[in-house]
Amino acid sequence: MAQVRGKQTAIIEAEKLNLTDNHFYFSLLGYLHTDIDNAKAISYFEMAQQKAKTDNDKLLLNKKLNDLKKKNNSYPC
């Protein structure tokens, strides 16, 4: 429970940054929402993937997305 509260606090603080042109921002929000709201986490990882500029970043985000979708079982891979 403490980890969830910690993530919720981190979400509030991260959202204050409002770095909407930065794929790392959306990746962070995706990570923080994982296991709290997986649908929202998936959405954030998808936004991060769209904004990523390098192939390596896109591949890493694709792996995170696929892993989370498998875990969530509500999104087809």
N, C-alpha and C. Protein backbone atom coordinates (compact mmCIF):
# COMPACT_ATOMS: atom_id res chain seq x y z
N MET A 1 0.82 -1.20 0.00
CA MET A 1 0.00 0.00 0.00
C MET A 1 0.87 1.26 0.00
N ALA A 2 1.97 1.23 0.69
CA ALA A 2 2.85 2.40 0.72
C ALA A 2 3.41 2.71 -0.66
N GLN A 3 3.69 1.65 -1.44
CA GLN A 3 4.20 1.87 -2.79
C GLN A 3 3.15 2.55 -3.65
N VAL A 4 1.89 2.17 -3.50
CA VAL A 4 0.81 2.80 -4.26
C VAL A 4 0.68 4.26 -3.87
N ARG A 5 0.69 4.55 -2.58
CA ARG A 5 0.62 5.95 -2.14
C ARG A 5 1.80 6.75 -2.66
N GLY A 6 2.96 6.13 -2.66
CA GLY A 6 4.14 6.80 -3.19
C GLY A 6 3.99 7.11 -4.67
N LYS A 7 3.44 6.16 -5.42
CA LYS A 7 3.22 6.38 -6.84
C LYS A 7 2.17 7.47 -7.06
N GLN A 8 1.12 7.48 -6.25
CA GLN A 8 0.08 8.50 -6.42
C GLN A 8 0.64 9.89 -6.17
N THR A 9 1.49 10.02 -5.19
CA THR A 9 2.14 11.31 -4.92
C THR A 9 3.05 11.68 -6.08
N ALA A 10 3.78 10.71 -6.59
CA ALA A 10 4.68 10.97 -7.72
C ALA A 10 3.90 11.37 -8.97
N ILE A 11 2.73 10.77 -9.18
CA ILE A 11 1.88 11.13 -10.33
C ILE A 11 1.48 12.60 -10.24
N ILE A 12 1.04 13.02 -9.07
CA ILE A 12 0.63 14.41 -8.87
C ILE A 12 1.79 15.35 -9.18
N GLU A 13 2.96 15.03 -8.67
CA GLU A 13 4.12 15.89 -8.88
C GLU A 13 4.57 15.87 -10.35
N ALA A 14 4.55 14.70 -10.97
CA ALA A 14 4.97 14.60 -12.37
C ALA A 14 4.03 15.36 -13.29
N GLU A 15 2.73 15.29 -13.02
CA GLU A 15 1.76 15.99 -13.85
C GLU A 15 1.95 17.50 -13.79
N LYS A 16 2.48 17.99 -12.69
CA LYS A 16 2.75 19.43 -12.57
C LYS A 16 3.81 19.89 -13.57
N LEU A 17 4.69 18.98 -13.98
CA LEU A 17 5.76 19.33 -14.92
C LEU A 17 5.21 19.67 -16.31
N ASN A 18 4.16 18.97 -16.71
CA ASN A 18 3.48 19.22 -17.98
C ASN A 18 4.45 19.30 -19.17
N LEU A 19 5.34 18.32 -19.27
CA LEU A 19 6.34 18.28 -20.35
C LEU A 19 5.79 17.48 -21.54
N THR A 20 4.73 17.98 -22.14
CA THR A 20 3.98 17.21 -23.14
C THR A 20 4.71 16.99 -24.46
N ASP A 21 5.85 17.61 -24.67
CA ASP A 21 6.63 17.38 -25.88
C ASP A 21 7.74 16.36 -25.66
N ASN A 22 7.80 15.78 -24.48
CA ASN A 22 8.90 14.91 -24.10
C ASN A 22 8.40 13.48 -23.90
N HIS A 23 8.94 12.54 -24.66
CA HIS A 23 8.48 11.16 -24.53
C HIS A 23 8.85 10.55 -23.18
N PHE A 24 9.91 11.04 -22.56
CA PHE A 24 10.28 10.53 -21.23
C PHE A 24 9.21 10.88 -20.19
N TYR A 25 8.58 12.02 -20.35
CA TYR A 25 7.50 12.45 -19.45
C TYR A 25 6.35 11.44 -19.51
N PHE A 26 5.93 11.08 -20.73
CA PHE A 26 4.83 10.14 -20.87
C PHE A 26 5.24 8.73 -20.44
N SER A 27 6.49 8.38 -20.66
CA SER A 27 6.99 7.09 -20.19
C SER A 27 6.96 7.02 -18.66
N LEU A 28 7.37 8.11 -18.02
CA LEU A 28 7.31 8.18 -16.56
C LEU A 28 5.88 8.04 -16.07
N LEU A 29 4.95 8.76 -16.69
CA LEU A 29 3.55 8.65 -16.29
C LEU A 29 3.02 7.23 -16.51
N GLY A 30 3.44 6.60 -17.60
CA GLY A 30 3.05 5.22 -17.84
C GLY A 30 3.56 4.29 -16.75
N TYR A 31 4.82 4.46 -16.39
CA TYR A 31 5.40 3.65 -15.31
C TYR A 31 4.66 3.87 -14.00
N LEU A 32 4.39 5.13 -13.67
CA LEU A 32 3.74 5.44 -12.40
C LEU A 32 2.31 4.92 -12.34
N HIS A 33 1.62 4.87 -13.47
CA HIS A 33 0.24 4.38 -13.48
C HIS A 33 0.15 2.86 -13.54
N THR A 34 1.26 2.19 -13.88
CA THR A 34 1.27 0.73 -13.95
C THR A 34 0.87 0.13 -12.60
N ASP A 35 -0.07 -0.79 -12.64
CA ASP A 35 -0.63 -1.49 -11.48
C ASP A 35 -1.58 -0.63 -10.65
N ILE A 36 -1.74 0.63 -11.02
CA ILE A 36 -2.76 1.47 -10.40
C ILE A 36 -3.93 1.61 -11.37
N ASP A 37 -3.60 1.97 -12.61
CA ASP A 37 -4.59 2.10 -13.68
C ASP A 37 -3.87 1.70 -14.97
N ASN A 38 -3.90 0.40 -15.27
CA ASN A 38 -3.14 -0.11 -16.41
C ASN A 38 -3.63 0.43 -17.74
N ALA A 39 -4.91 0.70 -17.87
CA ALA A 39 -5.42 1.27 -19.12
C ALA A 39 -4.81 2.65 -19.36
N LYS A 40 -4.73 3.44 -18.31
CA LYS A 40 -4.12 4.77 -18.42
C LYS A 40 -2.62 4.64 -18.67
N ALA A 41 -1.98 3.67 -18.03
CA ALA A 41 -0.55 3.44 -18.25
C ALA A 41 -0.28 3.10 -19.71
N ILE A 42 -1.11 2.24 -20.28
CA ILE A 42 -0.96 1.88 -21.68
C ILE A 42 -1.10 3.11 -22.57
N SER A 43 -2.07 3.93 -22.27
CA SER A 43 -2.28 5.16 -23.04
C SER A 43 -1.05 6.06 -22.98
N TYR A 44 -0.48 6.21 -21.80
CA TYR A 44 0.73 7.04 -21.66
C TYR A 44 1.92 6.45 -22.41
N PHE A 45 2.08 5.13 -22.33
CA PHE A 45 3.18 4.50 -23.07
C PHE A 45 2.98 4.66 -24.58
N GLU A 46 1.74 4.60 -25.05
CA GLU A 46 1.46 4.81 -26.47
C GLU A 46 1.82 6.24 -26.89
N MET A 47 1.49 7.21 -26.04
CA MET A 47 1.86 8.60 -26.33
C MET A 47 3.38 8.76 -26.36
N ALA A 48 4.04 8.11 -25.42
CA ALA A 48 5.51 8.18 -25.38
C ALA A 48 6.10 7.59 -26.65
N GLN A 49 5.55 6.48 -27.08
CA GLN A 49 6.05 5.83 -28.29
C GLN A 49 5.87 6.73 -29.51
N GLN A 50 4.76 7.43 -29.59
CA GLN A 50 4.51 8.34 -30.71
C GLN A 50 5.50 9.50 -30.72
N LYS A 51 5.92 9.94 -29.55
CA LYS A 51 6.82 11.10 -29.45
C LYS A 51 8.30 10.71 -29.47
N ALA A 52 8.59 9.43 -29.28
CA ALA A 52 9.98 8.97 -29.27
C ALA A 52 10.64 9.23 -30.62
N LYS A 53 11.89 9.59 -30.59
CA LYS A 53 12.60 9.95 -31.81
C LYS A 53 13.56 8.86 -32.30
N THR A 54 14.11 8.08 -31.40
CA THR A 54 15.08 7.06 -31.83
C THR A 54 14.41 5.69 -31.91
N ASP A 55 14.95 4.85 -32.77
CA ASP A 55 14.43 3.49 -32.91
C ASP A 55 14.57 2.71 -31.61
N ASN A 56 15.68 2.91 -30.89
CA ASN A 56 15.88 2.19 -29.63
C ASN A 56 14.82 2.58 -28.60
N ASP A 57 14.50 3.87 -28.51
CA ASP A 57 13.45 4.30 -27.57
C ASP A 57 12.11 3.71 -27.98
N LYS A 58 11.82 3.70 -29.27
CA LYS A 58 10.55 3.14 -29.76
C LYS A 58 10.46 1.65 -29.46
N LEU A 59 11.57 0.93 -29.64
CA LEU A 59 11.59 -0.51 -29.35
C LEU A 59 11.37 -0.79 -27.87
N LEU A 60 12.04 -0.02 -27.03
CA LEU A 60 11.89 -0.20 -25.58
C LEU A 60 10.44 0.08 -25.16
N LEU A 61 9.87 1.15 -25.67
CA LEU A 61 8.49 1.48 -25.33
C LEU A 61 7.52 0.43 -25.87
N ASN A 62 7.81 -0.11 -27.04
CA ASN A 62 6.97 -1.17 -27.60
C ASN A 62 7.00 -2.40 -26.71
N LYS A 63 8.17 -2.73 -26.19
CA LYS A 63 8.28 -3.88 -25.28
C LYS A 63 7.49 -3.63 -24.00
N LYS A 64 7.61 -2.43 -23.44
CA LYS A 64 6.86 -2.10 -22.23
C LYS A 64 5.36 -2.19 -22.49
N LEU A 65 4.94 -1.69 -23.65
CA LEU A 65 3.52 -1.74 -24.01
C LEU A 65 3.04 -3.18 -24.13
N ASN A 66 3.77 -4.00 -24.86
CA ASN A 66 3.36 -5.39 -25.05
C ASN A 66 3.32 -6.14 -23.73
N ASP A 67 4.31 -5.94 -22.88
CA ASP A 67 4.33 -6.60 -21.57
C ASP A 67 3.13 -6.18 -20.73
N LEU A 68 2.82 -4.90 -20.74
CA LEU A 68 1.70 -4.40 -19.94
C LEU A 68 0.37 -4.88 -20.51
N LYS A 69 0.25 -4.91 -21.83
CA LYS A 69 -0.98 -5.40 -22.45
C LYS A 69 -1.21 -6.87 -22.13
N LYS A 70 -0.14 -7.67 -22.15
CA LYS A 70 -0.26 -9.09 -21.79
C LYS A 70 -0.69 -9.23 -20.34
N LYS A 71 -0.10 -8.42 -19.49
CA LYS A 71 -0.42 -8.46 -18.06
C LYS A 71 -1.87 -8.02 -17.82
N ASN A 72 -2.30 -7.04 -18.57
CA ASN A 72 -3.63 -6.47 -18.39
C ASN A 72 -4.71 -7.34 -19.02
N ASN A 73 -4.37 -8.07 -20.09
CA ASN A 73 -5.28 -8.96 -20.80
C ASN A 73 -6.51 -8.30 -21.39
N SER A 74 -6.59 -6.98 -21.39
CA SER A 74 -7.76 -6.34 -21.99
C SER A 74 -7.41 -5.65 -23.30
N TYR A 75 -6.15 -5.69 -23.68
CA TYR A 75 -5.71 -5.09 -24.93
C TYR A 75 -5.03 -6.16 -25.77
N PRO A 76 -5.39 -6.27 -27.03
CA PRO A 76 -4.69 -7.23 -27.89
C PRO A 76 -3.29 -6.73 -28.22
N CYS A 77 -2.34 -7.64 -28.29
CA CYS A 77 -0.95 -7.27 -28.61
C CYS A 77 -0.74 -7.22 -30.09
